[in-house]
């Protein structure tokens, strides 16, 4: 039986003063992030908001990549959101990471595909998971490292995307070891050549210009 319509006067309706700003920020976050499942994402958004955790929100709207043949949902922006949520930890519980993945409406098949590259039981080292996620975006190992630098850097967007060379070399060695076609001697020779550039600046940082060069079309 439907409830009878009830009339209220303006004096009887109390609107929490913080509600308009909460809804405004929520709407802006949804527009920037463009979740495929708004209800699933909203649950993760308000859950994180209530706990004071980093929100599952992109920094900006991402335009679809022309080179991406299928829409997997996984982008550099999505990985950056996960890094904001997990990057303060060295190790992340798989159950927690999987839930954050789902809250971003990313395909669970893609999550399992990443975990198959280097399986673990209950926890995963965050920097390694992030590296594997970057590798799933496609391209060469250097392209993977480019995406990683752009996610980890403290430089403004469009800047040199510098990160500590210690972090760069750790991840590069890790990904190289997973590639059966890459030999350790080649990896170490390459890192040694980059180390020379880093040492010449004496800041222990490496940026995109040190290793990533776009090929010119003729």
N, C-alpha and C. Protein backbone atom coordinates (compact mmCIF):
# COMPACT_ATOMS: atom_id res chain seq x y z
N UNK A 1 0.85 -1.19 0.00
CA UNK A 1 0.00 0.00 0.00
C UNK A 1 0.89 1.24 0.00
N UNK A 2 0.71 2.14 -0.97
CA UNK A 2 1.59 3.31 -1.05
C UNK A 2 1.38 4.23 0.14
N UNK A 3 2.47 4.86 0.55
CA UNK A 3 2.39 5.81 1.65
C UNK A 3 1.69 7.07 1.20
N UNK A 4 0.88 7.65 2.07
CA UNK A 4 0.18 8.88 1.67
C UNK A 4 1.17 10.03 1.50
N UNK A 5 0.87 10.91 0.55
CA UNK A 5 1.71 12.08 0.36
C UNK A 5 1.62 12.97 1.59
N UNK A 6 2.78 13.42 2.04
CA UNK A 6 2.82 14.28 3.22
C UNK A 6 3.37 15.64 2.82
N UNK A 7 2.73 16.67 3.25
CA UNK A 7 3.17 18.02 2.94
C UNK A 7 4.03 18.55 4.08
N UNK A 8 5.17 19.11 3.74
CA UNK A 8 6.05 19.71 4.73
C UNK A 8 6.24 21.18 4.38
N UNK A 9 6.36 21.99 5.40
CA UNK A 9 6.70 23.39 5.16
C UNK A 9 8.21 23.53 5.26
N UNK A 10 8.73 24.62 4.75
CA UNK A 10 10.18 24.81 4.68
C UNK A 10 10.81 24.74 6.06
N UNK A 11 10.12 25.19 7.10
CA UNK A 11 10.68 25.19 8.44
C UNK A 11 10.87 23.78 8.99
N UNK A 12 10.11 22.81 8.48
CA UNK A 12 10.18 21.43 8.99
C UNK A 12 11.32 20.63 8.34
N UNK A 13 11.83 21.08 7.20
CA UNK A 13 12.85 20.33 6.46
C UNK A 13 14.23 20.83 6.84
N UNK A 14 15.03 19.94 7.40
CA UNK A 14 16.40 20.30 7.78
C UNK A 14 17.37 19.70 6.77
N UNK A 15 18.11 20.55 6.07
CA UNK A 15 19.12 20.09 5.13
C UNK A 15 20.48 20.25 5.78
N UNK A 16 21.23 19.16 6.00
CA UNK A 16 22.56 19.29 6.60
C UNK A 16 23.41 20.29 5.82
N UNK A 17 24.05 21.21 6.49
CA UNK A 17 24.78 22.27 5.77
C UNK A 17 25.89 21.77 4.87
N UNK A 18 26.46 20.59 5.22
CA UNK A 18 27.56 20.06 4.41
C UNK A 18 27.08 19.28 3.19
N UNK A 19 25.78 18.97 3.12
CA UNK A 19 25.26 18.13 2.04
C UNK A 19 25.47 18.71 0.65
N UNK A 20 25.15 19.99 0.39
CA UNK A 20 25.34 20.52 -0.97
C UNK A 20 26.77 20.38 -1.47
N UNK A 21 27.75 20.65 -0.60
CA UNK A 21 29.15 20.56 -1.05
C UNK A 21 29.56 19.11 -1.28
N UNK A 22 29.05 18.20 -0.43
CA UNK A 22 29.35 16.77 -0.62
C UNK A 22 28.83 16.31 -1.98
N UNK A 23 27.60 16.69 -2.30
CA UNK A 23 27.00 16.27 -3.57
C UNK A 23 27.70 16.93 -4.76
N UNK A 24 28.12 18.18 -4.57
CA UNK A 24 28.82 18.88 -5.64
C UNK A 24 30.15 18.20 -5.94
N UNK A 25 30.93 17.90 -4.89
CA UNK A 25 32.22 17.25 -5.08
C UNK A 25 32.04 15.84 -5.65
N UNK A 26 31.01 15.14 -5.22
CA UNK A 26 30.71 13.81 -5.74
C UNK A 26 30.42 13.86 -7.23
N UNK A 27 29.61 14.82 -7.63
CA UNK A 27 29.24 14.94 -9.05
C UNK A 27 30.47 15.26 -9.91
N UNK A 28 31.30 16.18 -9.44
CA UNK A 28 32.51 16.53 -10.18
C UNK A 28 33.44 15.32 -10.28
N UNK A 29 33.55 14.54 -9.19
CA UNK A 29 34.40 13.36 -9.19
C UNK A 29 33.89 12.32 -10.18
N UNK A 30 32.58 12.14 -10.24
CA UNK A 30 31.98 11.16 -11.16
C UNK A 30 32.23 11.58 -12.61
N UNK A 31 32.14 12.86 -12.89
CA UNK A 31 32.37 13.35 -14.26
C UNK A 31 33.82 13.14 -14.67
N UNK A 32 34.75 13.41 -13.75
CA UNK A 32 36.18 13.24 -14.06
C UNK A 32 36.54 11.77 -14.24
N UNK A 33 35.96 10.91 -13.42
CA UNK A 33 36.36 9.50 -13.40
C UNK A 33 35.62 8.68 -14.45
N UNK A 34 34.38 9.07 -14.80
CA UNK A 34 33.60 8.37 -15.82
C UNK A 34 33.48 6.88 -15.52
N UNK A 35 32.96 6.48 -14.34
CA UNK A 35 32.84 5.05 -14.03
C UNK A 35 31.80 4.38 -14.92
N UNK A 36 32.07 3.15 -15.27
CA UNK A 36 31.11 2.40 -16.11
C UNK A 36 29.93 1.91 -15.29
N UNK A 37 30.12 1.73 -13.99
CA UNK A 37 29.04 1.33 -13.09
C UNK A 37 28.99 2.37 -11.98
N UNK A 38 28.08 3.33 -12.11
CA UNK A 38 28.03 4.45 -11.18
C UNK A 38 27.72 3.99 -9.76
N UNK A 39 26.82 3.02 -9.61
CA UNK A 39 26.46 2.55 -8.27
C UNK A 39 27.64 1.88 -7.58
N UNK A 40 28.35 1.02 -8.30
CA UNK A 40 29.52 0.34 -7.72
C UNK A 40 30.57 1.36 -7.33
N UNK A 41 30.84 2.29 -8.22
CA UNK A 41 31.85 3.32 -7.93
C UNK A 41 31.41 4.21 -6.78
N UNK A 42 30.13 4.56 -6.74
CA UNK A 42 29.62 5.42 -5.68
C UNK A 42 29.77 4.77 -4.31
N UNK A 43 29.55 3.46 -4.25
CA UNK A 43 29.72 2.75 -2.98
C UNK A 43 31.16 2.87 -2.50
N UNK A 44 32.11 2.70 -3.42
CA UNK A 44 33.51 2.83 -3.06
C UNK A 44 33.88 4.26 -2.70
N UNK A 45 33.26 5.22 -3.40
CA UNK A 45 33.55 6.64 -3.15
C UNK A 45 33.13 7.04 -1.74
N UNK A 46 31.88 6.75 -1.39
CA UNK A 46 31.39 7.18 -0.08
C UNK A 46 31.97 6.35 1.06
N UNK A 47 32.33 5.11 0.76
CA UNK A 47 33.01 4.29 1.78
C UNK A 47 34.38 4.89 2.11
N UNK A 48 35.12 5.27 1.07
CA UNK A 48 36.44 5.89 1.28
C UNK A 48 36.28 7.25 1.96
N UNK A 49 35.27 8.01 1.56
CA UNK A 49 35.03 9.32 2.15
C UNK A 49 34.74 9.22 3.64
N UNK A 50 33.94 8.23 4.02
CA UNK A 50 33.57 8.08 5.43
C UNK A 50 34.76 7.67 6.29
N UNK A 51 35.74 6.96 5.68
CA UNK A 51 36.92 6.51 6.43
C UNK A 51 38.05 7.52 6.37
N UNK A 52 37.91 8.53 5.52
CA UNK A 52 39.00 9.49 5.36
C UNK A 52 40.12 8.96 4.49
N UNK A 53 39.83 7.95 3.65
CA UNK A 53 40.84 7.36 2.76
C UNK A 53 40.88 8.13 1.43
N UNK A 54 41.96 7.98 0.67
CA UNK A 54 42.01 8.59 -0.66
C UNK A 54 40.83 8.12 -1.51
N UNK A 55 40.23 9.02 -2.23
CA UNK A 55 39.03 8.71 -3.01
C UNK A 55 39.37 8.08 -4.36
N UNK A 56 38.48 7.23 -4.88
CA UNK A 56 38.71 6.61 -6.20
C UNK A 56 38.35 7.58 -7.32
N UNK A 57 39.13 8.65 -7.44
CA UNK A 57 38.80 9.73 -8.37
C UNK A 57 40.02 10.07 -9.22
N UNK A 58 39.80 10.18 -10.53
CA UNK A 58 40.86 10.60 -11.43
C UNK A 58 41.16 12.08 -11.26
N UNK A 59 42.39 12.46 -11.61
CA UNK A 59 42.77 13.87 -11.57
C UNK A 59 42.07 14.67 -12.66
N UNK A 60 41.78 14.00 -13.77
CA UNK A 60 41.15 14.67 -14.90
C UNK A 60 40.49 13.62 -15.79
N UNK A 61 39.65 14.08 -16.71
CA UNK A 61 39.03 13.17 -17.67
C UNK A 61 40.09 12.68 -18.65
N UNK A 62 40.08 11.39 -18.94
CA UNK A 62 41.01 10.82 -19.92
C UNK A 62 40.28 10.58 -21.22
N UNK A 63 40.89 11.03 -22.30
CA UNK A 63 40.33 10.76 -23.62
C UNK A 63 40.74 9.37 -24.05
N UNK A 64 39.86 8.62 -24.73
CA UNK A 64 40.21 7.27 -25.20
C UNK A 64 41.43 7.30 -26.12
N UNK A 65 42.29 6.30 -25.97
CA UNK A 65 43.48 6.22 -26.81
C UNK A 65 43.13 5.62 -28.17
N UNK A 66 43.59 6.25 -29.22
CA UNK A 66 43.28 5.78 -30.57
C UNK A 66 43.91 4.42 -30.84
N UNK A 67 44.99 4.08 -30.09
CA UNK A 67 45.68 2.82 -30.34
C UNK A 67 45.07 1.67 -29.56
N UNK A 68 44.11 1.97 -28.69
CA UNK A 68 43.52 0.91 -27.86
C UNK A 68 42.37 0.26 -28.62
N UNK A 69 42.57 -0.98 -29.05
CA UNK A 69 41.59 -1.65 -29.90
C UNK A 69 40.36 -2.09 -29.11
N UNK A 70 40.54 -2.45 -27.84
CA UNK A 70 39.43 -2.86 -27.00
C UNK A 70 39.43 -2.04 -25.72
N UNK A 71 38.25 -1.70 -25.23
CA UNK A 71 38.13 -0.88 -24.03
C UNK A 71 38.20 -1.78 -22.80
N UNK A 72 39.40 -1.91 -22.25
CA UNK A 72 39.58 -2.74 -21.05
C UNK A 72 39.28 -1.94 -19.80
N UNK A 73 39.18 -0.62 -19.93
CA UNK A 73 38.93 0.21 -18.76
C UNK A 73 40.20 0.59 -18.03
N UNK A 74 41.26 -0.19 -18.19
CA UNK A 74 42.51 0.08 -17.49
C UNK A 74 43.29 1.16 -18.23
N UNK A 75 43.57 2.26 -17.55
CA UNK A 75 44.31 3.37 -18.14
C UNK A 75 45.36 3.83 -17.13
N UNK A 76 46.23 4.71 -17.60
CA UNK A 76 47.21 5.29 -16.69
C UNK A 76 46.50 6.04 -15.56
N UNK A 77 45.41 6.73 -15.90
CA UNK A 77 44.66 7.46 -14.89
C UNK A 77 44.09 6.57 -13.82
N UNK A 78 43.58 5.39 -14.21
CA UNK A 78 43.04 4.44 -13.24
C UNK A 78 44.15 3.90 -12.33
N UNK A 79 45.30 3.61 -12.93
CA UNK A 79 46.43 3.13 -12.12
C UNK A 79 46.91 4.22 -11.16
N UNK A 80 46.81 5.47 -11.59
CA UNK A 80 47.21 6.58 -10.72
C UNK A 80 46.26 6.68 -9.53
N UNK A 81 44.96 6.44 -9.77
CA UNK A 81 43.99 6.43 -8.67
C UNK A 81 44.34 5.33 -7.66
N UNK A 82 44.63 4.14 -8.17
CA UNK A 82 45.01 3.03 -7.28
C UNK A 82 46.28 3.36 -6.51
N UNK A 83 47.21 4.06 -7.17
CA UNK A 83 48.45 4.41 -6.48
C UNK A 83 48.18 5.40 -5.35
N UNK A 84 47.26 6.32 -5.56
CA UNK A 84 46.89 7.25 -4.49
C UNK A 84 46.29 6.51 -3.31
N UNK A 85 45.59 5.41 -3.59
CA UNK A 85 44.93 4.66 -2.54
C UNK A 85 45.87 3.65 -1.86
N UNK A 86 46.86 3.16 -2.59
CA UNK A 86 47.70 2.07 -2.07
C UNK A 86 49.18 2.41 -1.95
N UNK A 87 49.61 3.48 -2.57
CA UNK A 87 51.03 3.77 -2.67
C UNK A 87 51.73 4.05 -1.35
N UNK A 88 50.97 4.33 -0.28
CA UNK A 88 51.60 4.59 1.01
C UNK A 88 52.01 3.31 1.73
N UNK A 89 51.62 2.17 1.15
CA UNK A 89 51.97 0.88 1.74
C UNK A 89 52.99 0.15 0.86
N UNK A 90 53.90 -0.58 1.50
CA UNK A 90 54.83 -1.40 0.72
C UNK A 90 54.13 -2.64 0.20
N UNK A 91 53.31 -3.25 1.05
CA UNK A 91 52.55 -4.43 0.66
C UNK A 91 51.06 -4.15 0.84
N UNK A 92 50.26 -4.70 -0.06
CA UNK A 92 48.82 -4.49 -0.03
C UNK A 92 48.13 -5.85 0.03
N UNK A 93 47.11 -5.95 0.89
CA UNK A 93 46.31 -7.18 0.95
C UNK A 93 45.57 -7.37 -0.37
N UNK A 94 45.64 -8.57 -0.91
CA UNK A 94 45.01 -8.83 -2.21
C UNK A 94 43.50 -8.59 -2.16
N UNK A 95 42.88 -8.97 -1.05
CA UNK A 95 41.43 -8.79 -0.94
C UNK A 95 41.07 -7.31 -0.99
N UNK A 96 41.85 -6.48 -0.31
CA UNK A 96 41.60 -5.03 -0.30
C UNK A 96 41.86 -4.44 -1.68
N UNK A 97 42.93 -4.88 -2.33
CA UNK A 97 43.27 -4.38 -3.65
C UNK A 97 42.20 -4.77 -4.67
N UNK A 98 41.72 -5.99 -4.57
CA UNK A 98 40.68 -6.45 -5.49
C UNK A 98 39.40 -5.63 -5.33
N UNK A 99 39.07 -5.29 -4.08
CA UNK A 99 37.87 -4.48 -3.84
C UNK A 99 38.03 -3.08 -4.42
N UNK A 100 39.20 -2.49 -4.26
CA UNK A 100 39.45 -1.16 -4.84
C UNK A 100 39.38 -1.24 -6.35
N UNK A 101 39.88 -2.32 -6.91
CA UNK A 101 39.81 -2.55 -8.36
C UNK A 101 38.36 -2.59 -8.82
N UNK A 102 37.52 -3.33 -8.09
CA UNK A 102 36.10 -3.43 -8.43
C UNK A 102 35.39 -2.10 -8.28
N UNK A 103 35.78 -1.33 -7.24
CA UNK A 103 35.14 -0.02 -7.03
C UNK A 103 35.41 0.94 -8.17
N UNK A 104 36.50 0.71 -8.91
CA UNK A 104 36.80 1.52 -10.09
C UNK A 104 36.15 0.95 -11.34
N UNK A 105 35.34 -0.11 -11.14
CA UNK A 105 34.59 -0.74 -12.25
C UNK A 105 35.52 -1.32 -13.31
N UNK A 106 36.71 -1.76 -12.89
CA UNK A 106 37.65 -2.39 -13.82
C UNK A 106 37.34 -3.88 -13.93
N UNK A 107 37.54 -4.48 -15.10
CA UNK A 107 37.22 -5.91 -15.29
C UNK A 107 38.05 -6.80 -14.36
N UNK A 108 37.37 -7.68 -13.64
CA UNK A 108 38.09 -8.57 -12.71
C UNK A 108 39.00 -9.52 -13.48
N UNK A 109 38.65 -9.80 -14.74
CA UNK A 109 39.51 -10.66 -15.56
C UNK A 109 40.89 -10.03 -15.77
N UNK A 110 40.91 -8.71 -15.89
CA UNK A 110 42.18 -8.00 -16.07
C UNK A 110 43.01 -8.07 -14.79
N UNK A 111 42.36 -7.98 -13.65
CA UNK A 111 43.05 -8.10 -12.35
C UNK A 111 43.68 -9.48 -12.23
N UNK A 112 42.93 -10.51 -12.58
CA UNK A 112 43.45 -11.88 -12.49
C UNK A 112 44.58 -12.11 -13.48
N UNK A 113 44.48 -11.47 -14.63
CA UNK A 113 45.54 -11.60 -15.63
C UNK A 113 46.84 -11.00 -15.11
N UNK A 114 46.74 -9.87 -14.41
CA UNK A 114 47.92 -9.25 -13.82
C UNK A 114 48.53 -10.16 -12.77
N UNK A 115 47.68 -10.74 -11.93
CA UNK A 115 48.17 -11.59 -10.84
C UNK A 115 48.82 -12.87 -11.38
N UNK A 116 48.40 -13.32 -12.55
CA UNK A 116 48.99 -14.51 -13.13
C UNK A 116 50.42 -14.27 -13.61
N UNK A 117 50.76 -13.01 -13.84
CA UNK A 117 52.12 -12.70 -14.30
C UNK A 117 53.15 -12.96 -13.21
N UNK A 118 52.73 -12.78 -11.96
CA UNK A 118 53.63 -13.04 -10.82
C UNK A 118 52.75 -13.31 -9.61
N UNK A 119 52.30 -14.55 -9.48
CA UNK A 119 51.29 -14.90 -8.47
C UNK A 119 51.84 -14.81 -7.05
N UNK A 120 50.94 -14.51 -6.12
CA UNK A 120 51.26 -14.48 -4.69
C UNK A 120 50.01 -14.90 -3.93
N UNK A 121 50.15 -15.12 -2.63
CA UNK A 121 49.05 -15.68 -1.85
C UNK A 121 48.09 -14.63 -1.30
N UNK A 122 48.56 -13.85 -0.33
CA UNK A 122 47.66 -12.94 0.36
C UNK A 122 48.03 -11.47 0.21
N UNK A 123 49.31 -11.20 -0.01
CA UNK A 123 49.77 -9.83 -0.14
C UNK A 123 50.59 -9.68 -1.42
N UNK A 124 50.64 -8.45 -1.91
CA UNK A 124 51.45 -8.17 -3.09
C UNK A 124 52.23 -6.89 -2.82
N UNK A 125 53.48 -6.86 -3.27
CA UNK A 125 54.27 -5.65 -3.15
C UNK A 125 53.69 -4.62 -4.11
N UNK A 126 53.29 -3.48 -3.59
CA UNK A 126 52.54 -2.53 -4.41
C UNK A 126 53.29 -2.09 -5.64
N UNK A 127 54.56 -1.74 -5.52
CA UNK A 127 55.30 -1.22 -6.66
C UNK A 127 55.37 -2.26 -7.78
N UNK A 128 55.40 -3.53 -7.42
CA UNK A 128 55.43 -4.59 -8.43
C UNK A 128 54.07 -4.71 -9.13
N UNK A 129 52.99 -4.63 -8.36
CA UNK A 129 51.67 -4.70 -8.97
C UNK A 129 51.48 -3.51 -9.91
N UNK A 130 51.91 -2.34 -9.46
CA UNK A 130 51.78 -1.15 -10.31
C UNK A 130 52.57 -1.31 -11.59
N UNK A 131 53.77 -1.87 -11.49
CA UNK A 131 54.59 -2.10 -12.68
C UNK A 131 53.91 -3.07 -13.65
N UNK A 132 53.32 -4.12 -13.10
CA UNK A 132 52.62 -5.09 -13.96
C UNK A 132 51.39 -4.45 -14.59
N UNK A 133 50.71 -3.59 -13.85
CA UNK A 133 49.57 -2.87 -14.41
C UNK A 133 49.99 -1.98 -15.56
N UNK A 134 51.12 -1.30 -15.39
CA UNK A 134 51.64 -0.44 -16.48
C UNK A 134 51.99 -1.28 -17.70
N UNK A 135 52.50 -2.49 -17.48
CA UNK A 135 52.86 -3.35 -18.61
C UNK A 135 51.62 -3.80 -19.39
N UNK A 136 50.45 -3.84 -18.70
CA UNK A 136 49.22 -4.25 -19.36
C UNK A 136 48.65 -3.15 -20.26
N UNK A 137 49.20 -1.94 -20.16
CA UNK A 137 48.73 -0.86 -21.02
C UNK A 137 49.27 -0.99 -22.44
N UNK A 138 50.24 -1.89 -22.62
CA UNK A 138 50.77 -2.15 -23.95
C UNK A 138 52.07 -1.42 -24.20
N UNK A 139 52.73 -1.82 -25.29
CA UNK A 139 53.99 -1.18 -25.66
C UNK A 139 55.20 -1.92 -25.13
N UNK A 140 56.35 -1.31 -25.31
CA UNK A 140 57.62 -1.92 -24.93
C UNK A 140 57.87 -1.75 -23.43
N UNK A 141 58.98 -2.31 -22.98
CA UNK A 141 59.38 -2.14 -21.58
C UNK A 141 59.63 -0.67 -21.27
N UNK A 142 60.22 0.05 -22.22
CA UNK A 142 60.46 1.47 -22.00
C UNK A 142 59.14 2.25 -21.90
N UNK A 143 58.14 1.82 -22.65
CA UNK A 143 56.82 2.46 -22.56
C UNK A 143 56.21 2.20 -21.18
N UNK A 144 56.39 0.97 -20.70
CA UNK A 144 55.92 0.64 -19.35
C UNK A 144 56.59 1.53 -18.31
N UNK A 145 57.90 1.72 -18.45
CA UNK A 145 58.63 2.56 -17.50
C UNK A 145 58.20 4.03 -17.61
N UNK A 146 57.86 4.46 -18.82
CA UNK A 146 57.36 5.82 -19.01
C UNK A 146 56.07 6.02 -18.22
N UNK A 147 55.13 5.07 -18.37
CA UNK A 147 53.87 5.16 -17.63
C UNK A 147 54.11 5.15 -16.13
N UNK A 148 55.03 4.31 -15.70
CA UNK A 148 55.34 4.22 -14.28
C UNK A 148 55.88 5.55 -13.75
N UNK A 149 56.81 6.15 -14.49
CA UNK A 149 57.39 7.43 -14.07
C UNK A 149 56.31 8.51 -13.98
N UNK A 150 55.40 8.54 -14.95
CA UNK A 150 54.36 9.57 -14.96
C UNK A 150 53.37 9.39 -13.82
N UNK A 151 53.24 8.17 -13.31
CA UNK A 151 52.37 7.91 -12.17
C UNK A 151 53.08 8.25 -10.85
N UNK A 152 54.34 7.90 -10.74
CA UNK A 152 55.07 8.05 -9.48
C UNK A 152 55.63 9.46 -9.25
N UNK A 153 55.85 10.21 -10.32
CA UNK A 153 56.57 11.47 -10.19
C UNK A 153 55.82 12.52 -9.36
N UNK A 154 56.61 13.40 -8.76
CA UNK A 154 56.06 14.56 -8.06
C UNK A 154 56.08 15.80 -8.95
N UNK A 155 56.66 15.66 -10.16
CA UNK A 155 56.71 16.77 -11.10
C UNK A 155 55.30 17.06 -11.64
N UNK A 156 55.02 18.30 -12.02
CA UNK A 156 53.71 18.62 -12.60
C UNK A 156 53.51 17.89 -13.93
N UNK A 157 52.25 17.70 -14.29
CA UNK A 157 51.92 17.00 -15.53
C UNK A 157 52.56 17.70 -16.73
N UNK A 158 53.18 16.91 -17.59
CA UNK A 158 53.87 17.46 -18.75
C UNK A 158 55.31 17.80 -18.47
N UNK A 159 55.74 17.61 -17.21
CA UNK A 159 57.12 17.89 -16.83
C UNK A 159 58.04 16.72 -17.11
N UNK A 160 59.23 16.73 -16.53
CA UNK A 160 60.22 15.68 -16.82
C UNK A 160 59.87 14.31 -16.24
N UNK A 161 58.87 14.24 -15.36
CA UNK A 161 58.43 12.96 -14.76
C UNK A 161 59.59 12.21 -14.12
N UNK A 162 60.30 12.90 -13.23
CA UNK A 162 61.45 12.28 -12.58
C UNK A 162 61.05 11.43 -11.39
N UNK A 163 61.77 10.32 -11.22
CA UNK A 163 61.61 9.48 -10.03
C UNK A 163 63.01 9.06 -9.58
N UNK A 164 63.16 8.58 -8.36
CA UNK A 164 64.48 8.12 -7.92
C UNK A 164 65.00 6.99 -8.80
N UNK A 165 66.27 7.07 -9.16
CA UNK A 165 66.84 6.03 -10.02
C UNK A 165 66.82 4.68 -9.33
N UNK A 166 66.91 4.68 -8.01
CA UNK A 166 66.84 3.43 -7.25
C UNK A 166 65.52 2.72 -7.50
N UNK A 167 64.42 3.48 -7.52
CA UNK A 167 63.10 2.90 -7.80
C UNK A 167 63.02 2.41 -9.24
N UNK A 168 63.51 3.24 -10.16
CA UNK A 168 63.49 2.89 -11.58
C UNK A 168 64.23 1.58 -11.83
N UNK A 169 65.45 1.46 -11.30
CA UNK A 169 66.26 0.27 -11.56
C UNK A 169 65.66 -0.97 -10.90
N UNK A 170 65.05 -0.79 -9.73
CA UNK A 170 64.40 -1.93 -9.05
C UNK A 170 63.27 -2.49 -9.90
N UNK A 171 62.42 -1.61 -10.41
CA UNK A 171 61.29 -2.04 -11.22
C UNK A 171 61.77 -2.60 -12.56
N UNK A 172 62.75 -1.94 -13.17
CA UNK A 172 63.24 -2.39 -14.48
C UNK A 172 63.82 -3.81 -14.36
N UNK A 173 64.58 -4.06 -13.31
CA UNK A 173 65.14 -5.40 -13.11
C UNK A 173 64.02 -6.43 -12.90
N UNK A 174 63.03 -6.03 -12.12
CA UNK A 174 61.91 -6.94 -11.84
C UNK A 174 61.18 -7.33 -13.12
N UNK A 175 60.83 -6.36 -13.94
CA UNK A 175 60.12 -6.66 -15.19
C UNK A 175 61.00 -7.42 -16.17
N UNK A 176 62.28 -7.11 -16.19
CA UNK A 176 63.19 -7.81 -17.10
C UNK A 176 63.30 -9.28 -16.72
N UNK A 177 63.29 -9.57 -15.43
CA UNK A 177 63.38 -10.96 -14.97
C UNK A 177 62.16 -11.78 -15.39
N UNK A 178 61.02 -11.12 -15.53
CA UNK A 178 59.80 -11.81 -15.95
C UNK A 178 59.78 -12.09 -17.45
N UNK A 179 60.63 -11.38 -18.19
CA UNK A 179 60.72 -11.55 -19.64
C UNK A 179 61.83 -12.55 -19.96
N UNK A 180 61.44 -13.73 -20.39
CA UNK A 180 62.42 -14.80 -20.64
C UNK A 180 63.35 -14.46 -21.80
N UNK A 181 62.98 -13.51 -22.64
CA UNK A 181 63.82 -13.14 -23.78
C UNK A 181 64.87 -12.09 -23.43
N UNK A 182 64.79 -11.57 -22.20
CA UNK A 182 65.74 -10.54 -21.78
C UNK A 182 66.82 -11.16 -20.90
N UNK A 183 68.07 -10.91 -21.24
CA UNK A 183 69.19 -11.47 -20.49
C UNK A 183 69.68 -10.48 -19.43
N UNK A 184 70.10 -11.02 -18.31
CA UNK A 184 70.53 -10.20 -17.18
C UNK A 184 71.67 -9.28 -17.57
N UNK A 185 72.60 -9.77 -18.38
CA UNK A 185 73.75 -8.96 -18.76
C UNK A 185 73.32 -7.73 -19.56
N UNK A 186 72.30 -7.89 -20.40
CA UNK A 186 71.79 -6.75 -21.18
C UNK A 186 71.09 -5.74 -20.27
N UNK A 187 70.33 -6.26 -19.31
CA UNK A 187 69.64 -5.38 -18.37
C UNK A 187 70.63 -4.54 -17.58
N UNK A 188 71.67 -5.19 -17.07
CA UNK A 188 72.64 -4.47 -16.24
C UNK A 188 73.46 -3.47 -17.06
N UNK A 189 73.74 -3.81 -18.30
CA UNK A 189 74.47 -2.89 -19.17
C UNK A 189 73.64 -1.64 -19.45
N UNK A 190 72.35 -1.85 -19.68
CA UNK A 190 71.45 -0.73 -19.95
C UNK A 190 71.33 0.18 -18.73
N UNK A 191 71.14 -0.43 -17.57
CA UNK A 191 71.02 0.36 -16.34
C UNK A 191 72.32 1.10 -16.02
N UNK A 192 73.43 0.48 -16.34
CA UNK A 192 74.73 1.14 -16.10
C UNK A 192 74.87 2.38 -16.98
N UNK A 193 74.38 2.29 -18.21
CA UNK A 193 74.45 3.46 -19.10
C UNK A 193 73.57 4.60 -18.60
N UNK A 194 72.41 4.24 -18.02
CA UNK A 194 71.53 5.26 -17.45
C UNK A 194 72.12 5.84 -16.17
N UNK A 195 72.80 4.98 -15.41
CA UNK A 195 73.43 5.44 -14.16
C UNK A 195 74.43 6.54 -14.43
N UNK A 196 75.14 6.45 -15.54
CA UNK A 196 76.12 7.48 -15.89
C UNK A 196 75.44 8.85 -16.08
N UNK A 197 74.28 8.86 -16.72
CA UNK A 197 73.54 10.11 -16.90
C UNK A 197 73.09 10.67 -15.56
N UNK A 198 72.59 9.78 -14.70
CA UNK A 198 72.10 10.20 -13.39
C UNK A 198 73.25 10.75 -12.55
N UNK A 199 74.38 10.06 -12.57
CA UNK A 199 75.54 10.49 -11.77
C UNK A 199 76.06 11.85 -12.22
N UNK A 200 75.94 12.14 -13.51
CA UNK A 200 76.44 13.42 -14.02
C UNK A 200 75.65 14.61 -13.46
N UNK A 201 74.39 14.35 -13.07
CA UNK A 201 73.55 15.43 -12.50
C UNK A 201 73.61 15.47 -10.98
N UNK A 202 74.06 14.37 -10.39
CA UNK A 202 74.24 14.29 -8.93
C UNK A 202 72.95 14.54 -8.14
N UNK A 203 71.83 14.07 -8.70
CA UNK A 203 70.58 14.22 -7.94
C UNK A 203 69.84 12.89 -7.75
N UNK A 204 70.45 11.80 -8.28
CA UNK A 204 69.90 10.45 -8.12
C UNK A 204 68.48 10.31 -8.69
N UNK A 205 68.13 11.15 -9.66
CA UNK A 205 66.80 11.11 -10.28
C UNK A 205 66.93 10.83 -11.76
N UNK A 206 65.93 10.11 -12.29
CA UNK A 206 65.89 9.83 -13.72
C UNK A 206 64.56 10.31 -14.27
N UNK A 207 64.58 10.92 -15.46
CA UNK A 207 63.37 11.42 -16.09
C UNK A 207 63.16 10.81 -17.46
N UNK A 208 62.04 11.13 -18.09
CA UNK A 208 61.70 10.54 -19.38
C UNK A 208 62.76 10.81 -20.44
N UNK A 209 63.34 11.99 -20.43
CA UNK A 209 64.31 12.34 -21.46
C UNK A 209 65.58 11.49 -21.39
N UNK A 210 65.76 10.78 -20.29
CA UNK A 210 66.95 9.94 -20.15
C UNK A 210 66.82 8.59 -20.85
N UNK A 211 65.58 8.16 -21.08
CA UNK A 211 65.43 6.81 -21.65
C UNK A 211 64.31 6.65 -22.66
N UNK A 212 63.38 7.61 -22.73
CA UNK A 212 62.22 7.43 -23.62
C UNK A 212 62.30 8.42 -24.77
N UNK A 213 62.37 7.88 -25.97
CA UNK A 213 62.46 8.72 -27.17
C UNK A 213 61.41 8.30 -28.16
N UNK A 214 60.56 9.25 -28.56
CA UNK A 214 59.53 8.96 -29.55
C UNK A 214 60.16 8.82 -30.93
N UNK A 215 59.69 7.81 -31.65
CA UNK A 215 60.18 7.60 -33.01
C UNK A 215 59.47 8.57 -33.96
N UNK A 216 60.24 9.24 -34.77
CA UNK A 216 59.67 10.16 -35.74
C UNK A 216 59.18 9.39 -36.96
N UNK A 217 57.97 9.78 -37.41
CA UNK A 217 57.42 9.17 -38.61
C UNK A 217 58.00 9.86 -39.84
N UNK A 218 58.44 9.06 -40.77
CA UNK A 218 59.03 9.62 -42.01
C UNK A 218 57.98 9.64 -43.11
